[in-house]
Amino acid sequence: DAGVHSKAWYAATCDRKMAEDALYRSNKDGSFLIRKSSGQDSRQPYTLVVFYNRRVYNVPIRFIESTRQYALGREKSGEERFDSVAEIVENHQRTSLVLIDSQNNTKDSTKLKHIVRVS
């Protein structure tokens, strides 16, 4: 169990567009929520959606079957792995999350600061 269902930041019935709209409305750097990923893929069950610098980032959350852990983004050597999605959120409320914009080839970072609820 990813530990998401009772959390304020988990938007269970939210799609990508609803999540992005809610974050644009919040308009606060570090606003975030977690939603189910659009593709029904068990290896990428959730997406972390973060607002920073007037942009919304959709960061895939991967499930690693072999260790039953979670990690952010594409697989990379030396990546941080977590036992639950809640641990990812708690970690990045304390330490900055690197946001990579592949279209503009830029890197930013922010902490997860403001929980956004989708109404």
N, C-alpha and C. Protein backbone atom coordinates (compact mmCIF):
# COMPACT_ATOMS: atom_id res chain seq x y z
N ASP A 1 0.85 -1.20 0.00
CA ASP A 1 0.00 0.00 0.00
C ASP A 1 0.88 1.25 0.00
N ALA A 2 0.57 2.16 -0.88
CA ALA A 2 1.41 3.34 -1.07
C ALA A 2 1.23 4.37 0.04
N GLY A 3 0.20 4.20 0.87
CA GLY A 3 -0.02 5.15 1.96
C GLY A 3 -0.57 6.48 1.47
N VAL A 4 -1.42 6.46 0.44
CA VAL A 4 -1.91 7.72 -0.10
C VAL A 4 -3.36 8.03 0.27
N HIS A 5 -4.16 6.99 0.54
CA HIS A 5 -5.61 7.17 0.50
C HIS A 5 -6.19 8.10 1.55
N SER A 6 -5.56 8.23 2.70
CA SER A 6 -6.13 9.12 3.72
C SER A 6 -5.47 10.49 3.73
N LYS A 7 -4.58 10.74 2.79
CA LYS A 7 -3.77 11.97 2.82
C LYS A 7 -4.47 13.14 2.17
N ALA A 8 -4.28 14.32 2.75
CA ALA A 8 -4.89 15.55 2.24
C ALA A 8 -4.39 15.87 0.84
N TRP A 9 -3.14 15.48 0.52
CA TRP A 9 -2.56 15.83 -0.78
C TRP A 9 -2.92 14.84 -1.89
N TYR A 10 -3.65 13.79 -1.55
CA TYR A 10 -3.99 12.80 -2.59
C TYR A 10 -5.34 13.12 -3.20
N ALA A 11 -5.33 13.40 -4.51
CA ALA A 11 -6.55 13.73 -5.23
C ALA A 11 -6.99 12.49 -6.00
N ALA A 12 -7.81 11.67 -5.37
CA ALA A 12 -8.14 10.34 -5.89
C ALA A 12 -8.88 10.39 -7.23
N THR A 13 -9.76 11.35 -7.40
CA THR A 13 -10.60 11.34 -8.60
C THR A 13 -10.19 12.41 -9.61
N CYS A 14 -8.96 12.81 -9.55
CA CYS A 14 -8.49 13.96 -10.31
C CYS A 14 -7.72 13.50 -11.55
N ASP A 15 -7.99 14.12 -12.71
CA ASP A 15 -7.18 13.83 -13.89
C ASP A 15 -6.12 14.94 -14.07
N ARG A 16 -5.31 14.78 -15.10
CA ARG A 16 -4.19 15.71 -15.30
C ARG A 16 -4.67 17.16 -15.43
N LYS A 17 -5.71 17.37 -16.24
CA LYS A 17 -6.17 18.74 -16.47
C LYS A 17 -6.71 19.36 -15.19
N MET A 18 -7.52 18.60 -14.43
CA MET A 18 -8.04 19.12 -13.16
C MET A 18 -6.91 19.49 -12.20
N ALA A 19 -5.90 18.63 -12.13
CA ALA A 19 -4.76 18.88 -11.25
C ALA A 19 -4.03 20.15 -11.67
N GLU A 20 -3.76 20.27 -12.97
CA GLU A 20 -3.03 21.45 -13.45
C GLU A 20 -3.83 22.72 -13.21
N ASP A 21 -5.14 22.67 -13.48
CA ASP A 21 -5.99 23.86 -13.25
C ASP A 21 -5.97 24.27 -11.78
N ALA A 22 -6.08 23.30 -10.89
CA ALA A 22 -6.09 23.60 -9.45
C ALA A 22 -4.76 24.25 -9.03
N LEU A 23 -3.66 23.76 -9.56
CA LEU A 23 -2.35 24.32 -9.20
C LEU A 23 -2.17 25.72 -9.79
N TYR A 24 -2.62 25.94 -11.03
CA TYR A 24 -2.54 27.30 -11.58
C TYR A 24 -3.37 28.27 -10.75
N ARG A 25 -4.53 27.82 -10.28
CA ARG A 25 -5.36 28.68 -9.42
C ARG A 25 -4.65 29.00 -8.11
N SER A 26 -3.95 28.04 -7.55
CA SER A 26 -3.24 28.28 -6.27
C SER A 26 -2.15 29.32 -6.47
N ASN A 27 -1.43 29.21 -7.61
CA ASN A 27 -0.42 30.18 -8.01
C ASN A 27 0.65 30.42 -6.93
N LYS A 28 0.99 29.37 -6.18
CA LYS A 28 2.02 29.49 -5.14
C LYS A 28 3.13 28.50 -5.43
N ASP A 29 4.37 28.97 -5.46
CA ASP A 29 5.50 28.07 -5.65
C ASP A 29 5.51 27.01 -4.56
N GLY A 30 5.70 25.77 -4.99
CA GLY A 30 5.73 24.67 -4.02
C GLY A 30 4.35 24.07 -3.76
N SER A 31 3.32 24.55 -4.45
CA SER A 31 2.01 23.91 -4.34
C SER A 31 2.08 22.54 -5.00
N PHE A 32 1.38 21.57 -4.45
CA PHE A 32 1.47 20.23 -5.01
C PHE A 32 0.25 19.39 -4.65
N LEU A 33 0.11 18.30 -5.41
CA LEU A 33 -0.81 17.23 -5.06
C LEU A 33 -0.31 15.97 -5.74
N ILE A 34 -0.91 14.86 -5.35
CA ILE A 34 -0.59 13.58 -6.01
C ILE A 34 -1.88 13.05 -6.59
N ARG A 35 -1.79 12.58 -7.84
CA ARG A 35 -2.96 12.00 -8.50
C ARG A 35 -2.58 10.64 -9.06
N LYS A 36 -3.59 9.88 -9.43
CA LYS A 36 -3.33 8.64 -10.15
C LYS A 36 -2.76 8.99 -11.51
N SER A 37 -1.83 8.20 -12.00
CA SER A 37 -1.28 8.45 -13.33
C SER A 37 -2.34 8.16 -14.40
N SER A 38 -2.22 8.87 -15.51
CA SER A 38 -3.21 8.76 -16.58
C SER A 38 -3.23 7.35 -17.18
N GLY A 39 -2.05 6.83 -17.50
CA GLY A 39 -1.98 5.48 -18.04
C GLY A 39 -2.13 4.48 -16.91
N GLN A 40 -2.93 3.46 -17.09
CA GLN A 40 -3.12 2.48 -16.01
C GLN A 40 -1.94 1.52 -16.00
N ASP A 41 -0.80 2.00 -15.54
CA ASP A 41 0.41 1.19 -15.53
C ASP A 41 0.83 0.95 -14.09
N SER A 42 0.91 -0.32 -13.70
CA SER A 42 1.24 -0.64 -12.31
C SER A 42 2.66 -0.21 -11.94
N ARG A 43 3.51 -0.02 -12.96
CA ARG A 43 4.88 0.41 -12.65
C ARG A 43 4.98 1.90 -12.47
N GLN A 44 3.93 2.63 -12.82
CA GLN A 44 3.92 4.09 -12.62
C GLN A 44 2.52 4.48 -12.16
N PRO A 45 2.20 4.15 -10.90
CA PRO A 45 0.81 4.28 -10.45
C PRO A 45 0.37 5.71 -10.17
N TYR A 46 1.30 6.58 -9.81
CA TYR A 46 0.93 7.94 -9.38
C TYR A 46 1.78 8.99 -10.08
N THR A 47 1.29 10.22 -10.01
CA THR A 47 2.04 11.37 -10.52
C THR A 47 2.03 12.46 -9.47
N LEU A 48 3.21 13.01 -9.20
CA LEU A 48 3.36 14.16 -8.32
C LEU A 48 3.25 15.40 -9.19
N VAL A 49 2.28 16.27 -8.89
CA VAL A 49 2.06 17.48 -9.69
C VAL A 49 2.49 18.67 -8.83
N VAL A 50 3.44 19.45 -9.36
CA VAL A 50 4.05 20.55 -8.59
C VAL A 50 3.97 21.85 -9.38
N PHE A 51 3.66 22.93 -8.68
CA PHE A 51 3.64 24.26 -9.30
C PHE A 51 4.89 25.01 -8.87
N TYR A 52 5.62 25.56 -9.85
CA TYR A 52 6.79 26.37 -9.52
C TYR A 52 7.06 27.34 -10.67
N ASN A 53 7.30 28.60 -10.31
CA ASN A 53 7.71 29.60 -11.30
C ASN A 53 6.70 29.68 -12.45
N ARG A 54 5.42 29.74 -12.10
CA ARG A 54 4.31 29.86 -13.06
C ARG A 54 4.16 28.66 -13.99
N ARG A 55 4.73 27.52 -13.61
CA ARG A 55 4.62 26.31 -14.43
C ARG A 55 4.16 25.15 -13.58
N VAL A 56 3.53 24.17 -14.26
CA VAL A 56 3.12 22.94 -13.57
C VAL A 56 3.97 21.79 -14.09
N TYR A 57 4.54 21.04 -13.18
CA TYR A 57 5.36 19.87 -13.51
C TYR A 57 4.60 18.61 -13.11
N ASN A 58 4.56 17.63 -14.00
CA ASN A 58 3.99 16.32 -13.70
C ASN A 58 5.14 15.33 -13.57
N VAL A 59 5.42 14.89 -12.35
CA VAL A 59 6.56 14.03 -12.10
C VAL A 59 6.05 12.61 -11.84
N PRO A 60 6.41 11.65 -12.71
CA PRO A 60 5.92 10.29 -12.50
C PRO A 60 6.50 9.67 -11.23
N ILE A 61 5.66 8.90 -10.54
CA ILE A 61 6.10 8.13 -9.38
C ILE A 61 6.10 6.67 -9.80
N ARG A 62 7.29 6.07 -9.81
CA ARG A 62 7.43 4.68 -10.24
C ARG A 62 7.35 3.73 -9.05
N PHE A 63 6.78 2.56 -9.31
CA PHE A 63 6.78 1.47 -8.33
C PHE A 63 7.81 0.46 -8.79
N ILE A 64 8.77 0.16 -7.91
CA ILE A 64 9.84 -0.77 -8.26
C ILE A 64 9.46 -2.13 -7.67
N GLU A 65 9.06 -3.02 -8.55
CA GLU A 65 8.53 -4.32 -8.13
C GLU A 65 9.55 -5.12 -7.31
N SER A 66 10.81 -5.11 -7.73
CA SER A 66 11.82 -5.97 -7.10
C SER A 66 12.04 -5.61 -5.63
N THR A 67 11.94 -4.32 -5.29
CA THR A 67 12.18 -3.91 -3.90
C THR A 67 10.89 -3.45 -3.22
N ARG A 68 9.78 -3.39 -3.99
CA ARG A 68 8.49 -2.90 -3.50
C ARG A 68 8.62 -1.48 -2.94
N GLN A 69 9.37 -0.66 -3.66
CA GLN A 69 9.58 0.73 -3.26
C GLN A 69 9.14 1.68 -4.37
N TYR A 70 9.20 2.98 -4.07
CA TYR A 70 8.78 4.01 -5.01
C TYR A 70 9.94 4.95 -5.28
N ALA A 71 9.96 5.50 -6.50
CA ALA A 71 10.98 6.48 -6.87
C ALA A 71 10.35 7.48 -7.85
N LEU A 72 10.98 8.64 -7.96
CA LEU A 72 10.46 9.71 -8.81
C LEU A 72 11.16 9.72 -10.17
N GLY A 73 10.38 10.05 -11.21
CA GLY A 73 10.96 10.28 -12.53
C GLY A 73 11.47 9.03 -13.21
N ARG A 74 12.35 9.22 -14.16
CA ARG A 74 12.94 8.10 -14.88
C ARG A 74 13.97 7.40 -14.01
N GLU A 75 14.16 6.12 -14.27
CA GLU A 75 15.13 5.36 -13.48
C GLU A 75 16.54 5.91 -13.70
N LYS A 76 17.29 6.10 -12.61
CA LYS A 76 18.66 6.56 -12.73
C LYS A 76 19.49 5.90 -11.65
N SER A 77 20.79 5.82 -11.87
CA SER A 77 21.63 5.16 -10.88
C SER A 77 21.74 6.05 -9.64
N GLY A 78 21.74 5.44 -8.48
CA GLY A 78 21.85 6.19 -7.24
C GLY A 78 20.61 6.97 -6.87
N GLU A 79 19.47 6.60 -7.45
CA GLU A 79 18.25 7.35 -7.17
C GLU A 79 17.76 7.07 -5.75
N GLU A 80 17.01 8.03 -5.21
CA GLU A 80 16.40 7.83 -3.91
C GLU A 80 15.18 6.94 -4.06
N ARG A 81 15.07 5.97 -3.15
CA ARG A 81 13.90 5.09 -3.15
C ARG A 81 13.20 5.20 -1.81
N PHE A 82 11.89 5.04 -1.85
CA PHE A 82 11.07 5.23 -0.65
C PHE A 82 10.12 4.06 -0.48
N ASP A 83 9.76 3.78 0.77
CA ASP A 83 8.87 2.66 1.05
C ASP A 83 7.41 2.99 0.80
N SER A 84 7.09 4.28 0.68
CA SER A 84 5.71 4.67 0.38
C SER A 84 5.71 6.02 -0.33
N VAL A 85 4.58 6.33 -0.96
CA VAL A 85 4.44 7.64 -1.60
C VAL A 85 4.45 8.73 -0.53
N ALA A 86 3.87 8.43 0.63
CA ALA A 86 3.86 9.40 1.73
C ALA A 86 5.29 9.78 2.13
N GLU A 87 6.21 8.81 2.10
CA GLU A 87 7.61 9.12 2.43
C GLU A 87 8.24 10.06 1.41
N ILE A 88 7.86 9.92 0.14
CA ILE A 88 8.37 10.84 -0.89
C ILE A 88 7.93 12.26 -0.55
N VAL A 89 6.64 12.41 -0.22
CA VAL A 89 6.10 13.74 0.10
C VAL A 89 6.80 14.31 1.33
N GLU A 90 6.90 13.50 2.40
CA GLU A 90 7.54 13.98 3.63
C GLU A 90 8.98 14.39 3.37
N ASN A 91 9.70 13.60 2.59
CA ASN A 91 11.09 13.90 2.28
C ASN A 91 11.21 15.25 1.55
N HIS A 92 10.34 15.47 0.56
CA HIS A 92 10.47 16.68 -0.25
C HIS A 92 9.75 17.88 0.37
N GLN A 93 9.14 17.69 1.53
CA GLN A 93 8.71 18.85 2.30
C GLN A 93 9.91 19.40 3.08
N ARG A 94 10.92 18.56 3.28
CA ARG A 94 12.14 18.98 3.99
C ARG A 94 13.29 19.32 3.05
N THR A 95 13.41 18.54 1.96
CA THR A 95 14.53 18.75 1.03
C THR A 95 13.98 19.08 -0.35
N SER A 96 14.70 19.90 -1.08
CA SER A 96 14.22 20.37 -2.38
C SER A 96 14.10 19.23 -3.38
N LEU A 97 13.10 19.36 -4.21
CA LEU A 97 12.85 18.43 -5.31
C LEU A 97 13.35 19.10 -6.57
N VAL A 98 14.16 18.41 -7.37
CA VAL A 98 14.66 18.98 -8.63
C VAL A 98 13.58 18.80 -9.69
N LEU A 99 13.23 19.90 -10.34
CA LEU A 99 12.22 19.90 -11.40
C LEU A 99 12.92 20.11 -12.73
N ILE A 100 12.79 19.16 -13.62
CA ILE A 100 13.47 19.24 -14.91
C ILE A 100 12.43 19.53 -15.99
N ASP A 101 12.68 20.59 -16.73
CA ASP A 101 11.82 20.94 -17.85
C ASP A 101 12.50 20.44 -19.12
N SER A 102 12.01 19.32 -19.65
CA SER A 102 12.69 18.72 -20.80
C SER A 102 12.51 19.55 -22.07
N GLN A 103 11.42 20.32 -22.14
CA GLN A 103 11.20 21.13 -23.35
C GLN A 103 12.19 22.29 -23.42
N ASN A 104 12.38 22.98 -22.31
CA ASN A 104 13.29 24.14 -22.31
C ASN A 104 14.66 23.80 -21.76
N ASN A 105 14.83 22.53 -21.37
CA ASN A 105 16.11 22.05 -20.86
C ASN A 105 16.60 22.88 -19.67
N THR A 106 15.70 23.16 -18.74
CA THR A 106 16.07 23.92 -17.55
C THR A 106 15.83 23.06 -16.31
N LYS A 107 16.51 23.44 -15.24
CA LYS A 107 16.34 22.76 -13.96
C LYS A 107 15.98 23.79 -12.91
N ASP A 108 15.00 23.47 -12.09
CA ASP A 108 14.64 24.30 -10.95
C ASP A 108 14.54 23.37 -9.76
N SER A 109 14.35 23.94 -8.58
CA SER A 109 14.06 23.08 -7.45
C SER A 109 13.20 23.83 -6.45
N THR A 110 12.35 23.09 -5.78
CA THR A 110 11.49 23.65 -4.75
C THR A 110 11.14 22.56 -3.76
N LYS A 111 10.76 22.98 -2.58
CA LYS A 111 10.20 22.03 -1.61
C LYS A 111 8.70 21.96 -1.82
N LEU A 112 8.09 20.86 -1.38
CA LEU A 112 6.64 20.73 -1.43
C LEU A 112 6.08 21.48 -0.23
N LYS A 113 5.40 22.61 -0.48
CA LYS A 113 5.01 23.50 0.62
C LYS A 113 3.51 23.59 0.84
N HIS A 114 2.73 23.65 -0.24
CA HIS A 114 1.31 23.95 -0.09
C HIS A 114 0.48 22.82 -0.70
N ILE A 115 -0.31 22.17 0.12
CA ILE A 115 -1.19 21.12 -0.38
C ILE A 115 -2.36 21.78 -1.11
N VAL A 116 -2.61 21.33 -2.33
CA VAL A 116 -3.73 21.85 -3.10
C VAL A 116 -4.83 20.80 -3.12
N ARG A 117 -6.03 21.22 -2.76
CA ARG A 117 -7.17 20.32 -2.82
C ARG A 117 -7.95 20.61 -4.10
N VAL A 118 -8.35 19.58 -4.78
CA VAL A 118 -9.13 19.74 -6.01
C VAL A 118 -10.60 19.66 -5.61
N SER A 119 -11.34 20.72 -5.94
CA SER A 119 -12.76 20.69 -5.54
C SER A 119 -13.63 20.32 -6.72
